[in-house]
């Protein structure tokens, strides 16, 4: 990773940490979020993954259009550091799904996400 990539990554981590901390208090079942990126094709390779505890809670979140507000919050936070992403670059998953499909191993689960 180049020095400039490290700086960008640090900035992404900072803004997404802020978004995460607010989301933890605001969204029932929300657990954490992370980002995946391949800096050789940045910013189009940037992916943000938001993780809930159960499928039931994620379904309730989506049925109330919570994902639309959350996507907008993520996009606004990243825009504040000059990074523009679209809704397709934000996805939602659950710890329940990872446990069932990947034995709780997120690295294996994320290997399927092309960054």
PDB file of N, CA and C in Angstrom:
ATOM      1  N   UNK A   1       0.850  -1.177   0.000  1.00  0.00           N
ATOM      2  CA  UNK A   1       0.000   0.000   0.000  1.00  0.00           C
ATOM      3  C   UNK A   1       0.894   1.238   0.000  1.00  0.00           C
ATOM      4  N   UNK A   2       0.593   2.141  -0.905  1.00  0.00           N
ATOM      5  CA  UNK A   2       1.366   3.382  -0.982  1.00  0.00           C
ATOM      6  C   UNK A   2       1.033   4.294   0.193  1.00  0.00           C
ATOM      7  N   UNK A   3       1.898   5.251   0.421  1.00  0.00           N
ATOM      8  CA  UNK A   3       1.704   6.190   1.521  1.00  0.00           C
ATOM      9  C   UNK A   3       0.378   6.945   1.383  1.00  0.00           C
ATOM     10  N   UNK A   4       0.040   7.351   0.170  1.00  0.00           N
ATOM     11  CA  UNK A   4      -1.225   8.069  -0.034  1.00  0.00           C
ATOM     12  C   UNK A   4      -2.418   7.152   0.226  1.00  0.00           C
ATOM     13  N   UNK A   5      -2.291   5.867  -0.136  1.00  0.00           N
ATOM     14  CA  UNK A   5      -3.363   4.906   0.130  1.00  0.00           C
ATOM     15  C   UNK A   5      -3.569   4.747   1.634  1.00  0.00           C
ATOM     16  N   UNK A   6      -2.485   4.700   2.382  1.00  0.00           N
ATOM     17  CA  UNK A   6      -2.574   4.569   3.843  1.00  0.00           C
ATOM     18  C   UNK A   6      -3.298   5.771   4.449  1.00  0.00           C
ATOM     19  N   UNK A   7      -3.013   6.953   3.916  1.00  0.00           N
ATOM     20  CA  UNK A   7      -3.670   8.163   4.425  1.00  0.00           C
ATOM     21  C   UNK A   7      -5.170   8.136   4.116  1.00  0.00           C
ATOM     22  N   UNK A   8      -5.511   7.732   2.898  1.00  0.00           N
ATOM     23  CA  UNK A   8      -6.923   7.626   2.526  1.00  0.00           C
ATOM     24  C   UNK A   8      -7.612   6.598   3.412  1.00  0.00           C
ATOM     25  N   UNK A   9      -6.968   5.447   3.618  1.00  0.00           N
ATOM     26  CA  UNK A   9      -7.555   4.393   4.427  1.00  0.00           C
ATOM     27  C   UNK A   9      -7.772   4.864   5.866  1.00  0.00           C
ATOM     28  N   UNK A  10      -6.821   5.590   6.391  1.00  0.00           N
ATOM     29  CA  UNK A  10      -6.949   6.130   7.750  1.00  0.00           C
ATOM     30  C   UNK A  10      -8.165   7.054   7.839  1.00  0.00           C
ATOM     31  N   UNK A  11      -8.336   7.916   6.843  1.00  0.00           N
ATOM     32  CA  UNK A  11      -9.475   8.830   6.821  1.00  0.00           C
ATOM     33  C   UNK A  11     -10.799   8.075   6.702  1.00  0.00           C
ATOM     34  N   UNK A  12     -10.824   7.045   5.850  1.00  0.00           N
ATOM     35  CA  UNK A  12     -12.036   6.228   5.714  1.00  0.00           C
ATOM     36  C   UNK A  12     -12.372   5.581   7.059  1.00  0.00           C
ATOM     37  N   UNK A  13     -11.370   5.010   7.708  1.00  0.00           N
ATOM     38  CA  UNK A  13     -11.589   4.359   9.009  1.00  0.00           C
ATOM     39  C   UNK A  13     -12.147   5.333  10.033  1.00  0.00           C
ATOM     40  N   UNK A  14     -11.621   6.535  10.060  1.00  0.00           N
ATOM     41  CA  UNK A  14     -12.079   7.536  11.028  1.00  0.00           C
ATOM     42  C   UNK A  14     -13.547   7.901  10.810  1.00  0.00           C
ATOM     43  N   UNK A  15     -13.927   8.186   9.564  1.00  0.00           N
ATOM     44  CA  UNK A  15     -15.317   8.603   9.335  1.00  0.00           C
ATOM     45  C   UNK A  15     -16.275   7.438   9.515  1.00  0.00           C
ATOM     46  N   UNK A  16     -15.869   6.234   9.096  1.00  0.00           N
ATOM     47  CA  UNK A  16     -16.755   5.086   9.272  1.00  0.00           C
ATOM     48  C   UNK A  16     -16.875   4.692  10.741  1.00  0.00           C
ATOM     49  N   UNK A  17     -15.842   4.922  11.534  1.00  0.00           N
ATOM     50  CA  UNK A  17     -15.931   4.672  12.974  1.00  0.00           C
ATOM     51  C   UNK A  17     -16.969   5.594  13.597  1.00  0.00           C
ATOM     52  N   UNK A  18     -16.965   6.846  13.187  1.00  0.00           N
ATOM     53  CA  UNK A  18     -17.969   7.798  13.688  1.00  0.00           C
ATOM     54  C   UNK A  18     -19.378   7.364  13.295  1.00  0.00           C
ATOM     55  N   UNK A  19     -19.555   6.957  12.043  1.00  0.00           N
ATOM     56  CA  UNK A  19     -20.862   6.483  11.565  1.00  0.00           C
ATOM     57  C   UNK A  19     -21.290   5.264  12.370  1.00  0.00           C
ATOM     58  N   UNK A  20     -20.367   4.354  12.595  1.00  0.00           N
ATOM     59  CA  UNK A  20     -20.651   3.121  13.331  1.00  0.00           C
ATOM     60  C   UNK A  20     -21.108   3.416  14.754  1.00  0.00           C
ATOM     61  N   UNK A  21     -20.431   4.312  15.421  1.00  0.00           N
ATOM     62  CA  UNK A  21     -20.772   4.619  16.813  1.00  0.00           C
ATOM     63  C   UNK A  21     -22.175   5.198  16.934  1.00  0.00           C
ATOM     64  N   UNK A  22     -22.563   6.030  15.993  1.00  0.00           N
ATOM     65  CA  UNK A  22     -23.922   6.580  15.997  1.00  0.00           C
ATOM     66  C   UNK A  22     -24.928   5.465  15.684  1.00  0.00           C
ATOM     67  N   UNK A  23     -24.607   4.640  14.705  1.00  0.00           N
ATOM     68  CA  UNK A  23     -25.513   3.567  14.293  1.00  0.00           C
ATOM     69  C   UNK A  23     -25.743   2.556  15.414  1.00  0.00           C
ATOM     70  N   UNK A  24     -24.751   2.326  16.234  1.00  0.00           N
ATOM     71  CA  UNK A  24     -24.892   1.381  17.348  1.00  0.00           C
ATOM     72  C   UNK A  24     -25.983   1.817  18.324  1.00  0.00           C
ATOM     73  N   UNK A  25     -26.133   3.111  18.500  1.00  0.00           N
ATOM     74  CA  UNK A  25     -27.144   3.615  19.427  1.00  0.00           C
ATOM     75  C   UNK A  25     -28.507   3.782  18.759  1.00  0.00           C
ATOM     76  N   UNK A  26     -28.512   3.859  17.434  1.00  0.00           N
ATOM     77  CA  UNK A  26     -29.718   4.194  16.693  1.00  0.00           C
ATOM     78  C   UNK A  26     -30.453   2.996  16.084  1.00  0.00           C
ATOM     79  N   UNK A  27     -29.743   1.940  15.779  1.00  0.00           N
ATOM     80  CA  UNK A  27     -30.314   0.830  15.014  1.00  0.00           C
ATOM     81  C   UNK A  27     -30.261  -0.476  15.793  1.00  0.00           C
ATOM     82  N   UNK A  28     -31.414  -0.978  16.146  1.00  0.00           N
ATOM     83  CA  UNK A  28     -31.517  -2.215  16.912  1.00  0.00           C
ATOM     84  C   UNK A  28     -30.940  -3.386  16.112  1.00  0.00           C
ATOM     85  N   UNK A  29     -30.003  -4.076  16.716  1.00  0.00           N
ATOM     86  CA  UNK A  29     -29.398  -5.230  16.067  1.00  0.00           C
ATOM     87  C   UNK A  29     -28.140  -4.928  15.284  1.00  0.00           C
ATOM     88  N   UNK A  30     -27.887  -3.650  15.011  1.00  0.00           N
ATOM     89  CA  UNK A  30     -26.660  -3.304  14.298  1.00  0.00           C
ATOM     90  C   UNK A  30     -25.463  -3.617  15.184  1.00  0.00           C
ATOM     91  N   UNK A  31     -24.437  -4.245  14.592  1.00  0.00           N
ATOM     92  CA  UNK A  31     -23.265  -4.660  15.356  1.00  0.00           C
ATOM     93  C   UNK A  31     -22.001  -3.905  14.979  1.00  0.00           C
ATOM     94  N   UNK A  32     -21.709  -3.830  13.684  1.00  0.00           N
ATOM     95  CA  UNK A  32     -20.471  -3.200  13.243  1.00  0.00           C
ATOM     96  C   UNK A  32     -20.505  -3.001  11.734  1.00  0.00           C
ATOM     97  N   UNK A  33     -19.521  -2.268  11.239  1.00  0.00           N
ATOM     98  CA  UNK A  33     -19.350  -2.130   9.801  1.00  0.00           C
ATOM     99  C   UNK A  33     -17.871  -2.151   9.483  1.00  0.00           C
ATOM    100  N   UNK A  34     -17.587  -2.429   8.238  1.00  0.00           N
ATOM    101  CA  UNK A  34     -16.202  -2.445   7.786  1.00  0.00           C
ATOM    102  C   UNK A  34     -16.163  -2.012   6.329  1.00  0.00           C
ATOM    103  N   UNK A  35     -14.959  -1.839   5.824  1.00  0.00           N
ATOM    104  CA  UNK A  35     -14.822  -1.509   4.413  1.00  0.00           C
ATOM    105  C   UNK A  35     -13.772  -2.410   3.778  1.00  0.00           C
ATOM    106  N   UNK A  36     -13.949  -2.625   2.493  1.00  0.00           N
ATOM    107  CA  UNK A  36     -13.019  -3.406   1.682  1.00  0.00           C
ATOM    108  C   UNK A  36     -12.669  -2.539   0.488  1.00  0.00           C
ATOM    109  N   UNK A  37     -11.410  -2.568   0.089  1.00  0.00           N
ATOM    110  CA  UNK A  37     -11.013  -1.721  -1.031  1.00  0.00           C
ATOM    111  C   UNK A  37      -9.763  -2.275  -1.708  1.00  0.00           C
ATOM    112  N   UNK A  38      -9.709  -2.071  -3.003  1.00  0.00           N
ATOM    113  CA  UNK A  38      -8.516  -2.366  -3.781  1.00  0.00           C
ATOM    114  C   UNK A  38      -8.060  -0.999  -4.314  1.00  0.00           C
ATOM    115  N   UNK A  39      -6.972  -0.496  -3.772  1.00  0.00           N
ATOM    116  CA  UNK A  39      -6.571   0.872  -4.114  1.00  0.00           C
ATOM    117  C   UNK A  39      -6.109   1.042  -5.558  1.00  0.00           C
ATOM    118  N   UNK A  40      -5.866  -0.048  -6.261  1.00  0.00           N
ATOM    119  CA  UNK A  40      -5.504   0.101  -7.672  1.00  0.00           C
ATOM    120  C   UNK A  40      -6.721   0.501  -8.514  1.00  0.00           C
ATOM    121  N   UNK A  41      -7.929   0.321  -7.963  1.00  0.00           N
ATOM    122  CA  UNK A  41      -9.134   0.773  -8.672  1.00  0.00           C
ATOM    123  C   UNK A  41     -10.054   1.558  -7.734  1.00  0.00           C
ATOM    124  N   UNK A  42      -9.452   2.379  -6.921  1.00  0.00           N
ATOM    125  CA  UNK A  42     -10.172   3.232  -5.977  1.00  0.00           C
ATOM    126  C   UNK A  42     -10.707   4.449  -6.701  1.00  0.00           C
ATOM    127  N   UNK A  43     -11.883   4.957  -6.414  1.00  0.00           N
ATOM    128  CA  UNK A  43     -12.827   4.608  -5.358  1.00  0.00           C
ATOM    129  C   UNK A  43     -13.898   3.604  -5.777  1.00  0.00           C
ATOM    130  N   UNK A  44     -13.912   3.218  -7.077  1.00  0.00           N
ATOM    131  CA  UNK A  44     -14.995   2.320  -7.508  1.00  0.00           C
ATOM    132  C   UNK A  44     -14.932   0.958  -6.837  1.00  0.00           C
ATOM    133  N   UNK A  45     -13.777   0.576  -6.297  1.00  0.00           N
ATOM    134  CA  UNK A  45     -13.656  -0.725  -5.628  1.00  0.00           C
ATOM    135  C   UNK A  45     -14.064  -0.671  -4.151  1.00  0.00           C
ATOM    136  N   UNK A  46     -14.284   0.516  -3.620  1.00  0.00           N
ATOM    137  CA  UNK A  46     -14.633   0.641  -2.202  1.00  0.00           C
ATOM    138  C   UNK A  46     -15.995   0.012  -1.920  1.00  0.00           C
ATOM    139  N   UNK A  47     -16.035  -0.861  -0.919  1.00  0.00           N
ATOM    140  CA  UNK A  47     -17.270  -1.491  -0.472  1.00  0.00           C
ATOM    141  C   UNK A  47     -17.401  -1.283   1.032  1.00  0.00           C
ATOM    142  N   UNK A  48     -18.581  -0.937   1.480  1.00  0.00           N
ATOM    143  CA  UNK A  48     -18.861  -0.817   2.908  1.00  0.00           C
ATOM    144  C   UNK A  48     -19.865  -1.911   3.243  1.00  0.00           C
ATOM    145  N   UNK A  49     -19.554  -2.698   4.269  1.00  0.00           N
ATOM    146  CA  UNK A  49     -20.429  -3.786   4.689  1.00  0.00           C
ATOM    147  C   UNK A  49     -20.913  -3.477   6.103  1.00  0.00           C
ATOM    148  N   UNK A  50     -22.231  -3.439   6.269  1.00  0.00           N
ATOM    149  CA  UNK A  50     -22.866  -3.157   7.550  1.00  0.00           C
ATOM    150  C   UNK A  50     -23.442  -4.464   8.090  1.00  0.00           C
ATOM    151  N   UNK A  51     -23.089  -4.794   9.328  1.00  0.00           N
ATOM    152  CA  UNK A  51     -23.440  -6.101   9.872  1.00  0.00           C
ATOM    153  C   UNK A  51     -24.422  -5.977  11.038  1.00  0.00           C
ATOM    154  N   UNK A  52     -25.496  -6.748  10.940  1.00  0.00           N
ATOM    155  CA  UNK A  52     -26.488  -6.861  12.007  1.00  0.00           C
ATOM    156  C   UNK A  52     -26.331  -8.224  12.669  1.00  0.00           C
ATOM    157  N   UNK A  53     -26.945  -8.378  13.828  1.00  0.00           N
ATOM    158  CA  UNK A  53     -26.802  -9.652  14.533  1.00  0.00           C
ATOM    159  C   UNK A  53     -27.622 -10.765  13.897  1.00  0.00           C
ATOM    160  N   UNK A  54     -28.889 -10.502  13.584  1.00  0.00           N
ATOM    161  CA  UNK A  54     -29.755 -11.558  13.050  1.00  0.00           C
ATOM    162  C   UNK A  54     -30.442 -11.121  11.762  1.00  0.00           C
ATOM    163  N   UNK A  55     -30.881 -12.103  11.000  1.00  0.00           N
ATOM    164  CA  UNK A  55     -31.636 -11.819   9.772  1.00  0.00           C
ATOM    165  C   UNK A  55     -32.946 -11.123  10.088  1.00  0.00           C
ATOM    166  N   UNK A  56     -33.564 -11.498  11.192  1.00  0.00           N
ATOM    167  CA  UNK A  56     -34.835 -10.888  11.589  1.00  0.00           C
ATOM    168  C   UNK A  56     -34.682  -9.387  11.830  1.00  0.00           C
ATOM    169  N   UNK A  57     -33.637  -9.010  12.523  1.00  0.00           N
ATOM    170  CA  UNK A  57     -33.418  -7.578  12.797  1.00  0.00           C
ATOM    171  C   UNK A  57     -33.041  -6.823  11.525  1.00  0.00           C
ATOM    172  N   UNK A  58     -32.263  -7.450  10.664  1.00  0.00           N
ATOM    173  CA  UNK A  58     -31.918  -6.798   9.399  1.00  0.00           C
ATOM    174  C   UNK A  58     -33.168  -6.629   8.539  1.00  0.00           C
ATOM    175  N   UNK A  59     -34.033  -7.627   8.535  1.00  0.00           N
ATOM    176  CA  UNK A  59     -35.279  -7.537   7.772  1.00  0.00           C
ATOM    177  C   UNK A  59     -36.152  -6.397   8.297  1.00  0.00           C
ATOM    178  N   UNK A  60     -36.249  -6.273   9.610  1.00  0.00           N
ATOM    179  CA  UNK A  60     -37.034  -5.179  10.210  1.00  0.00           C
ATOM    180  C   UNK A  60     -36.428  -3.823   9.856  1.00  0.00           C
ATOM    181  N   UNK A  61     -35.118  -3.728   9.897  1.00  0.00           N
ATOM    182  CA  UNK A  61     -34.400  -2.503   9.546  1.00  0.00           C
ATOM    183  C   UNK A  61     -34.708  -2.110   8.100  1.00  0.00           C
ATOM    184  N   UNK A  62     -34.634  -3.074   7.198  1.00  0.00           N
ATOM    185  CA  UNK A  62     -34.902  -2.808   5.785  1.00  0.00           C
ATOM    186  C   UNK A  62     -36.374  -2.503   5.527  1.00  0.00           C
ATOM    187  N   UNK A  63     -37.280  -3.160   6.254  1.00  0.00           N
ATOM    188  CA  UNK A  63     -38.707  -2.935   6.022  1.00  0.00           C
ATOM    189  C   UNK A  63     -39.130  -1.527   6.430  1.00  0.00           C
ATOM    190  N   UNK A  64     -38.376  -0.924   7.330  1.00  0.00           N
ATOM    191  CA  UNK A  64     -38.641   0.464   7.733  1.00  0.00           C
ATOM    192  C   UNK A  64     -37.811   1.450   6.927  1.00  0.00           C
ATOM    193  N   UNK A  65     -37.197   0.971   5.836  1.00  0.00           N
ATOM    194  CA  UNK A  65     -36.334   1.787   4.968  1.00  0.00           C
ATOM    195  C   UNK A  65     -35.137   2.377   5.708  1.00  0.00           C
ATOM    196  N   UNK A  66     -34.719   1.716   6.782  1.00  0.00           N
ATOM    197  CA  UNK A  66     -33.550   2.170   7.525  1.00  0.00           C
ATOM    198  C   UNK A  66     -32.298   2.191   6.680  1.00  0.00           C
ATOM    199  N   UNK A  67     -32.231   1.268   5.725  1.00  0.00           N
ATOM    200  CA  UNK A  67     -31.048   1.200   4.874  1.00  0.00           C
ATOM    201  C   UNK A  67     -30.893   2.455   4.006  1.00  0.00           C
ATOM    202  N   UNK A  68     -32.003   3.069   3.627  1.00  0.00           N
ATOM    203  CA  UNK A  68     -31.912   4.279   2.806  1.00  0.00           C
ATOM    204  C   UNK A  68     -31.262   5.419   3.590  1.00  0.00           C
ATOM    205  N   UNK A  69     -31.690   5.583   4.833  1.00  0.00           N
ATOM    206  CA  UNK A  69     -31.107   6.627   5.682  1.00  0.00           C
ATOM    207  C   UNK A  69     -29.647   6.303   6.020  1.00  0.00           C
ATOM    208  N   UNK A  70     -29.391   5.025   6.319  1.00  0.00           N
ATOM    209  CA  UNK A  70     -28.030   4.614   6.674  1.00  0.00           C
ATOM    210  C   UNK A  70     -27.092   4.783   5.485  1.00  0.00           C
ATOM    211  N   UNK A  71     -27.546   4.397   4.291  1.00  0.00           N
ATOM    212  CA  UNK A  71     -26.729   4.602   3.092  1.00  0.00           C
ATOM    213  C   UNK A  71     -26.402   6.075   2.911  1.00  0.00           C
ATOM    214  N   UNK A  72     -27.396   6.928   3.073  1.00  0.00           N
ATOM    215  CA  UNK A  72     -27.186   8.369   2.919  1.00  0.00           C
ATOM    216  C   UNK A  72     -26.192   8.890   3.954  1.00  0.00           C
ATOM    217  N   UNK A  73     -26.273   8.380   5.175  1.00  0.00           N
ATOM    218  CA  UNK A  73     -25.342   8.793   6.226  1.00  0.00           C
ATOM    219  C   UNK A  73     -23.916   8.401   5.866  1.00  0.00           C
ATOM    220  N   UNK A  74     -23.742   7.179   5.389  1.00  0.00           N
ATOM    221  CA  UNK A  74     -22.412   6.696   4.987  1.00  0.00           C
ATOM    222  C   UNK A  74     -21.881   7.532   3.826  1.00  0.00           C
ATOM    223  N   UNK A  75     -22.737   7.754   2.828  1.00  0.00           N
ATOM    224  CA  UNK A  75     -22.318   8.525   1.657  1.00  0.00           C
ATOM    225  C   UNK A  75     -21.947   9.956   2.033  1.00  0.00           C
ATOM    226  N   UNK A  76     -22.706  10.557   2.912  1.00  0.00           N
ATOM    227  CA  UNK A  76     -22.419  11.937   3.340  1.00  0.00           C
ATOM    228  C   UNK A  76     -21.104  11.991   4.117  1.00  0.00           C
ATOM    229  N   UNK A  77     -20.885  11.026   4.988  1.00  0.00           N
ATOM    230  CA  UNK A  77     -19.641  10.998   5.773  1.00  0.00           C
ATOM    231  C   UNK A  77     -18.431  10.849   4.856  1.00  0.00           C
ATOM    232  N   UNK A  78     -18.526   9.956   3.882  1.00  0.00           N
ATOM    233  CA  UNK A  78     -17.402   9.770   2.955  1.00  0.00           C
ATOM    234  C   UNK A  78     -17.227  10.980   2.039  1.00  0.00           C
ATOM    235  N   UNK A  79     -18.335  11.603   1.642  1.00  0.00           N
ATOM    236  CA  UNK A  79     -18.249  12.813   0.807  1.00  0.00           C
ATOM    237  C   UNK A  79     -17.502  13.918   1.548  1.00  0.00           C
ATOM    238  N   UNK A  80     -17.626  13.919   2.876  1.00  0.00           N
ATOM    239  CA  UNK A  80     -16.921  14.905   3.690  1.00  0.00           C
ATOM    240  C   UNK A  80     -15.408  14.805   3.598  1.00  0.00           C
ATOM    241  N   UNK A  81     -14.916  13.645   3.143  1.00  0.00           N
ATOM    242  CA  UNK A  81     -13.462  13.486   2.936  1.00  0.00           C
ATOM    243  C   UNK A  81     -13.157  13.303   1.442  1.00  0.00           C
ATOM    244  N   UNK A  82     -14.114  13.703   0.609  1.00  0.00           N
ATOM    245  CA  UNK A  82     -13.890  13.717  -0.835  1.00  0.00           C
ATOM    246  C   UNK A  82     -14.056  12.383  -1.547  1.00  0.00           C
ATOM    247  N   UNK A  83     -14.793  11.459  -0.939  1.00  0.00           N
ATOM    248  CA  UNK A  83     -14.996  10.139  -1.553  1.00  0.00           C
ATOM    249  C   UNK A  83     -16.474   9.959  -1.860  1.00  0.00           C
ATOM    250  N   UNK A  84     -16.764   9.643  -3.113  1.00  0.00           N
ATOM    251  CA  UNK A  84     -18.144   9.457  -3.537  1.00  0.00           C
ATOM    252  C   UNK A  84     -18.373   7.973  -3.840  1.00  0.00           C
ATOM    253  N   UNK A  85     -19.411   7.402  -3.210  1.00  0.00           N
ATOM    254  CA  UNK A  85     -19.791   6.027  -3.513  1.00  0.00           C
ATOM    255  C   UNK A  85     -21.293   5.975  -3.770  1.00  0.00           C
ATOM    256  N   UNK A  86     -21.731   4.915  -4.439  1.00  0.00           N
ATOM    257  CA  UNK A  86     -23.159   4.762  -4.706  1.00  0.00           C
ATOM    258  C   UNK A  86     -23.741   3.666  -3.816  1.00  0.00           C
ATOM    259  N   UNK A  87     -25.050   3.521  -3.859  1.00  0.00           N
ATOM    260  CA  UNK A  87     -25.734   2.539  -3.011  1.00  0.00           C
ATOM    261  C   UNK A  87     -25.261   1.112  -3.267  1.00  0.00           C
ATOM    262  N   UNK A  88     -24.866   0.806  -4.494  1.00  0.00           N
ATOM    263  CA  UNK A  88     -24.412  -0.544  -4.822  1.00  0.00           C
ATOM    264  C   UNK A  88     -23.108  -0.904  -4.098  1.00  0.00           C
ATOM    265  N   UNK A  89     -22.403   0.090  -3.617  1.00  0.00           N
ATOM    266  CA  UNK A  89     -21.145  -0.142  -2.911  1.00  0.00           C
ATOM    267  C   UNK A  89     -21.343  -0.342  -1.412  1.00  0.00           C
ATOM    268  N   UNK A  90     -22.598  -0.295  -0.970  1.00  0.00           N
ATOM    269  CA  UNK A  90     -22.929  -0.514   0.438  1.00  0.00           C
ATOM    270  C   UNK A  90     -23.796  -1.765   0.516  1.00  0.00           C
ATOM    271  N   UNK A  91     -23.379  -2.696   1.353  1.00  0.00           N
ATOM    272  CA  UNK A  91     -24.164  -3.920   1.495  1.00  0.00           C
ATOM    273  C   UNK A  91     -24.418  -4.217   2.967  1.00  0.00           C
ATOM    274  N   UNK A  92     -25.352  -5.122   3.181  1.00  0.00           N
ATOM    275  CA  UNK A  92     -25.761  -5.496   4.530  1.00  0.00           C
ATOM    276  C   UNK A  92     -25.652  -7.005   4.684  1.00  0.00           C
ATOM    277  N   UNK A  93     -25.243  -7.417   5.859  1.00  0.00           N
ATOM    278  CA  UNK A  93     -25.081  -8.837   6.140  1.00  0.00           C
ATOM    279  C   UNK A  93     -25.408  -9.060   7.606  1.00  0.00           C
ATOM    280  N   UNK A  94     -25.386 -10.323   8.025  1.00  0.00           N
ATOM    281  CA  UNK A  94     -25.655 -10.624   9.433  1.00  0.00           C
ATOM    282  C   UNK A  94     -24.642 -11.617   9.972  1.00  0.00           C
ATOM    283  N   UNK A  95     -24.440 -11.533  11.262  1.00  0.00           N
ATOM    284  CA  UNK A  95     -23.588 -12.502  11.921  1.00  0.00           C
ATOM    285  C   UNK A  95     -24.206 -13.893  11.810  1.00  0.00           C
ATOM    286  N   UNK A  96     -25.528 -13.938  11.818  1.00  0.00           N
ATOM    287  CA  UNK A  96     -26.249 -15.199  11.665  1.00  0.00           C
ATOM    288  C   UNK A  96     -25.879 -15.884  10.344  1.00  0.00           C
ATOM    289  N   UNK A  97     -25.887 -15.118   9.247  1.00  0.00           N
ATOM    290  CA  UNK A  97     -25.527 -15.680   7.940  1.00  0.00           C
ATOM    291  C   UNK A  97     -24.079 -16.153   7.905  1.00  0.00           C
ATOM    292  N   UNK A  98     -23.194 -15.374   8.486  1.00  0.00           N
ATOM    293  CA  UNK A  98     -21.778 -15.749   8.494  1.00  0.00           C
ATOM    294  C   UNK A  98     -21.566 -17.019   9.306  1.00  0.00           C
ATOM    295  N   UNK A  99     -22.239 -17.121  10.445  1.00  0.00           N
ATOM    296  CA  UNK A  99     -22.118 -18.328  11.268  1.00  0.00           C
ATOM    297  C   UNK A  99     -22.577 -19.564  10.488  1.00  0.00           C
ATOM    298  N   UNK A 100     -23.721 -19.440   9.806  1.00  0.00           N
ATOM    299  CA  UNK A 100     -24.278 -20.575   9.067  1.00  0.00           C
ATOM    300  C   UNK A 100     -23.430 -20.955   7.852  1.00  0.00           C
ATOM    301  N   UNK A 101     -23.033 -19.969   7.069  1.00  0.00           N
ATOM    302  CA  UNK A 101     -22.364 -20.241   5.794  1.00  0.00           C
ATOM    303  C   UNK A 101     -20.842 -20.344   5.895  1.00  0.00           C
ATOM    304  N   UNK A 102     -20.252 -19.648   6.858  1.00  0.00           N
ATOM    305  CA  UNK A 102     -18.795 -19.584   6.920  1.00  0.00           C
ATOM    306  C   UNK A 102     -18.231 -19.920   8.291  1.00  0.00           C
ATOM    307  N   UNK A 103     -19.036 -20.500   9.152  1.00  0.00           N
ATOM    308  CA  UNK A 103     -18.561 -20.869  10.481  1.00  0.00           C
ATOM    309  C   UNK A 103     -18.067 -19.687  11.294  1.00  0.00           C
ATOM    310  N   UNK A 104     -18.639 -18.509  11.029  1.00  0.00           N
ATOM    311  CA  UNK A 104     -18.248 -17.308  11.763  1.00  0.00           C
ATOM    312  C   UNK A 104     -16.951 -16.679  11.283  1.00  0.00           C
ATOM    313  N   UNK A 105     -16.417 -17.164  10.176  1.00  0.00           N
ATOM    314  CA  UNK A 105     -15.134 -16.650   9.657  1.00  0.00           C
ATOM    315  C   UNK A 105     -15.392 -15.566   8.605  1.00  0.00           C
ATOM    316  N   UNK A 106     -15.306 -14.336   9.064  1.00  0.00           N
ATOM    317  CA  UNK A 106     -15.608 -13.208   8.185  1.00  0.00           C
ATOM    318  C   UNK A 106     -14.616 -13.076   7.049  1.00  0.00           C
ATOM    319  N   UNK A 107     -13.364 -13.412   7.272  1.00  0.00           N
ATOM    320  CA  UNK A 107     -12.373 -13.327   6.187  1.00  0.00           C
ATOM    321  C   UNK A 107     -12.783 -14.208   5.012  1.00  0.00           C
ATOM    322  N   UNK A 108     -13.276 -15.391   5.319  1.00  0.00           N
ATOM    323  CA  UNK A 108     -13.732 -16.292   4.258  1.00  0.00           C
ATOM    324  C   UNK A 108     -14.965 -15.705   3.570  1.00  0.00           C
ATOM    325  N   UNK A 109     -15.841 -15.112   4.350  1.00  0.00           N
ATOM    326  CA  UNK A 109     -17.050 -14.521   3.777  1.00  0.00           C
ATOM    327  C   UNK A 109     -16.703 -13.333   2.890  1.00  0.00           C
ATOM    328  N   UNK A 110     -15.792 -12.501   3.344  1.00  0.00           N
ATOM    329  CA  UNK A 110     -15.421 -11.319   2.573  1.00  0.00           C
ATOM    330  C   UNK A 110     -14.598 -11.673   1.338  1.00  0.00           C
ATOM    331  N   UNK A 111     -14.011 -12.842   1.311  1.00  0.00           N
ATOM    332  CA  UNK A 111     -13.233 -13.257   0.130  1.00  0.00           C
ATOM    333  C   UNK A 111     -14.116 -13.319  -1.103  1.00  0.00           C
ATOM    334  N   UNK A 112     -15.426 -13.478  -0.890  1.00  0.00           N
ATOM    335  CA  UNK A 112     -16.375 -13.537  -2.001  1.00  0.00           C
ATOM    336  C   UNK A 112     -16.795 -12.167  -2.523  1.00  0.00           C
ATOM    337  N   UNK A 113     -16.419 -11.140  -1.786  1.00  0.00           N
ATOM    338  CA  UNK A 113     -16.758  -9.772  -2.200  1.00  0.00           C
ATOM    339  C   UNK A 113     -15.593  -9.231  -3.013  1.00  0.00           C
ATOM    340  N   UNK A 114     -15.844  -8.904  -4.237  1.00  0.00           N
ATOM    341  CA  UNK A 114     -14.771  -8.391  -5.077  1.00  0.00           C
ATOM    342  C   UNK A 114     -14.566  -6.923  -4.798  1.00  0.00           C
ATOM    343  N   UNK A 115     -13.388  -6.632  -4.361  1.00  0.00           N
ATOM    344  CA  UNK A 115     -13.056  -5.225  -4.088  1.00  0.00           C
ATOM    345  C   UNK A 115     -12.229  -4.678  -5.219  1.00  0.00           C
TER     346      UNK A 115
END
